[in-house]
Amino acid sequence: MIADTSEEIEFYRLRALRSALKLEILGMKRRGPSVCSIIKREFDFKGSKRKVLEQLNTLIRDKAAQLPFRVRG
């Protein structure tokens, strides 16, 4: 995948955050703030990790619909 525009880069980052959150839900840890707390702070989401994942999936689906090319969310 080549991300040329700022919208495509933002979309790629959302998908990377989603992947990291899925790993965090499975038990993987990282240094610094958790991925869930980063997502909550950045997008003002509330709830548990699984609820945040649901909200992030909805955001990704909405962004994918706005991009000029077809992307599977």
C-alpha atoms as a PDB file:
ATOM      1  CA  MET A   1       0.000   0.000   0.000  1.00  0.00           C
ATOM      2  CA  ILE A   2       1.257   3.469  -0.855  1.00  0.00           C
ATOM      3  CA  ALA A   3      -0.142   6.344   1.180  1.00  0.00           C
ATOM      4  CA  ASP A   4       0.344   9.584  -0.754  1.00  0.00           C
ATOM      5  CA  THR A   5      -2.127  11.982   0.803  1.00  0.00           C
ATOM      6  CA  SER A   6      -2.650  13.032   4.396  1.00  0.00           C
ATOM      7  CA  GLU A   7      -6.028  11.248   4.402  1.00  0.00           C
ATOM      8  CA  GLU A   8      -4.413   7.981   3.334  1.00  0.00           C
ATOM      9  CA  ILE A   9      -1.673   8.351   5.947  1.00  0.00           C
ATOM     10  CA  GLU A  10      -4.263   9.020   8.655  1.00  0.00           C
ATOM     11  CA  PHE A  11      -6.257   5.978   7.505  1.00  0.00           C
ATOM     12  CA  TYR A  12      -3.150   3.776   7.635  1.00  0.00           C
ATOM     13  CA  ARG A  13      -2.394   5.050  11.150  1.00  0.00           C
ATOM     14  CA  LEU A  14      -5.929   4.220  12.286  1.00  0.00           C
ATOM     15  CA  ARG A  15      -5.474   0.684  11.044  1.00  0.00           C
ATOM     16  CA  ALA A  16      -2.088   0.408  12.787  1.00  0.00           C
ATOM     17  CA  LEU A  17      -3.673   1.610  16.044  1.00  0.00           C
ATOM     18  CA  ARG A  18      -6.423  -0.982  15.625  1.00  0.00           C
ATOM     19  CA  SER A  19      -3.862  -3.756  15.163  1.00  0.00           C
ATOM     20  CA  ALA A  20      -1.943  -2.614  18.243  1.00  0.00           C
ATOM     21  CA  LEU A  21      -5.156  -2.468  20.287  1.00  0.00           C
ATOM     22  CA  LYS A  22      -6.051  -6.014  19.250  1.00  0.00           C
ATOM     23  CA  LEU A  23      -2.634  -7.192  20.469  1.00  0.00           C
ATOM     24  CA  GLU A  24      -3.120  -5.281  23.707  1.00  0.00           C
ATOM     25  CA  ILE A  25      -6.490  -6.986  24.235  1.00  0.00           C
ATOM     26  CA  LEU A  26      -4.735 -10.339  23.833  1.00  0.00           C
ATOM     27  CA  GLY A  27      -2.298  -9.383  26.597  1.00  0.00           C
ATOM     28  CA  MET A  28       0.709  -7.855  24.873  1.00  0.00           C
ATOM     29  CA  LYS A  29       2.250  -4.960  26.772  1.00  0.00           C
ATOM     30  CA  ARG A  30       4.255  -1.950  25.654  1.00  0.00           C
ATOM     31  CA  ARG A  31       6.317   0.732  27.322  1.00  0.00           C
ATOM     32  CA  GLY A  32       4.710   4.064  27.900  1.00  0.00           C
ATOM     33  CA  PRO A  33       0.996   4.706  27.721  1.00  0.00           C
ATOM     34  CA  SER A  34      -1.263   1.897  26.557  1.00  0.00           C
ATOM     35  CA  VAL A  35      -2.622   1.957  23.040  1.00  0.00           C
ATOM     36  CA  CYS A  36      -6.125   2.082  24.470  1.00  0.00           C
ATOM     37  CA  SER A  37      -5.330   5.236  26.451  1.00  0.00           C
ATOM     38  CA  ILE A  38      -3.749   6.833  23.368  1.00  0.00           C
ATOM     39  CA  ILE A  39      -6.881   6.117  21.315  1.00  0.00           C
ATOM     40  CA  LYS A  40      -9.204   7.306  24.082  1.00  0.00           C
ATOM     41  CA  ARG A  41      -7.294  10.566  24.462  1.00  0.00           C
ATOM     42  CA  GLU A  42      -7.008  11.229  20.727  1.00  0.00           C
ATOM     43  CA  PHE A  43     -10.576  10.378  19.698  1.00  0.00           C
ATOM     44  CA  ASP A  44     -12.415  10.983  22.991  1.00  0.00           C
ATOM     45  CA  PHE A  45     -13.695   7.403  23.155  1.00  0.00           C
ATOM     46  CA  LYS A  46     -15.019   5.935  26.405  1.00  0.00           C
ATOM     47  CA  GLY A  47     -15.288   2.435  27.815  1.00  0.00           C
ATOM     48  CA  SER A  48     -13.329  -0.788  28.004  1.00  0.00           C
ATOM     49  CA  LYS A  49     -10.726  -1.932  25.492  1.00  0.00           C
ATOM     50  CA  ARG A  50     -13.324  -3.942  23.600  1.00  0.00           C
ATOM     51  CA  LYS A  51     -15.734  -0.982  23.461  1.00  0.00           C
ATOM     52  CA  VAL A  52     -12.915   1.247  22.241  1.00  0.00           C
ATOM     53  CA  LEU A  53     -12.135  -1.343  19.538  1.00  0.00           C
ATOM     54  CA  GLU A  54     -15.784  -1.287  18.407  1.00  0.00           C
ATOM     55  CA  GLN A  55     -15.755   2.510  18.244  1.00  0.00           C
ATOM     56  CA  LEU A  56     -12.453   2.484  16.344  1.00  0.00           C
ATOM     57  CA  ASN A  57     -13.817  -0.071  13.855  1.00  0.00           C
ATOM     58  CA  THR A  58     -16.793   2.205  13.217  1.00  0.00           C
ATOM     59  CA  LEU A  59     -14.477   5.172  12.663  1.00  0.00           C
ATOM     60  CA  ILE A  60     -12.339   3.147  10.234  1.00  0.00           C
ATOM     61  CA  ARG A  61     -15.421   2.034   8.275  1.00  0.00           C
ATOM     62  CA  ASP A  62     -16.604   5.644   8.019  1.00  0.00           C
ATOM     63  CA  LYS A  63     -13.183   6.882   6.874  1.00  0.00           C
ATOM     64  CA  ALA A  64     -12.889   4.056   4.320  1.00  0.00           C
ATOM     65  CA  ALA A  65     -16.194   5.106   2.783  1.00  0.00           C
ATOM     66  CA  GLN A  66     -14.858   8.651   2.313  1.00  0.00           C
ATOM     67  CA  LEU A  67     -11.597   7.685   0.607  1.00  0.00           C
ATOM     68  CA  PRO A  68     -11.535   7.890  -3.201  1.00  0.00           C
ATOM     69  CA  PHE A  69     -10.371   4.269  -3.561  1.00  0.00           C
ATOM     70  CA  ARG A  70     -11.929   1.071  -2.298  1.00  0.00           C
ATOM     71  CA  VAL A  71     -10.422  -0.201   0.955  1.00  0.00           C
ATOM     72  CA  ARG A  72     -11.390  -3.146   3.033  1.00  0.00           C
ATOM     73  CA  GLY A  73     -11.604  -1.905   6.639  1.00  0.00           C
END
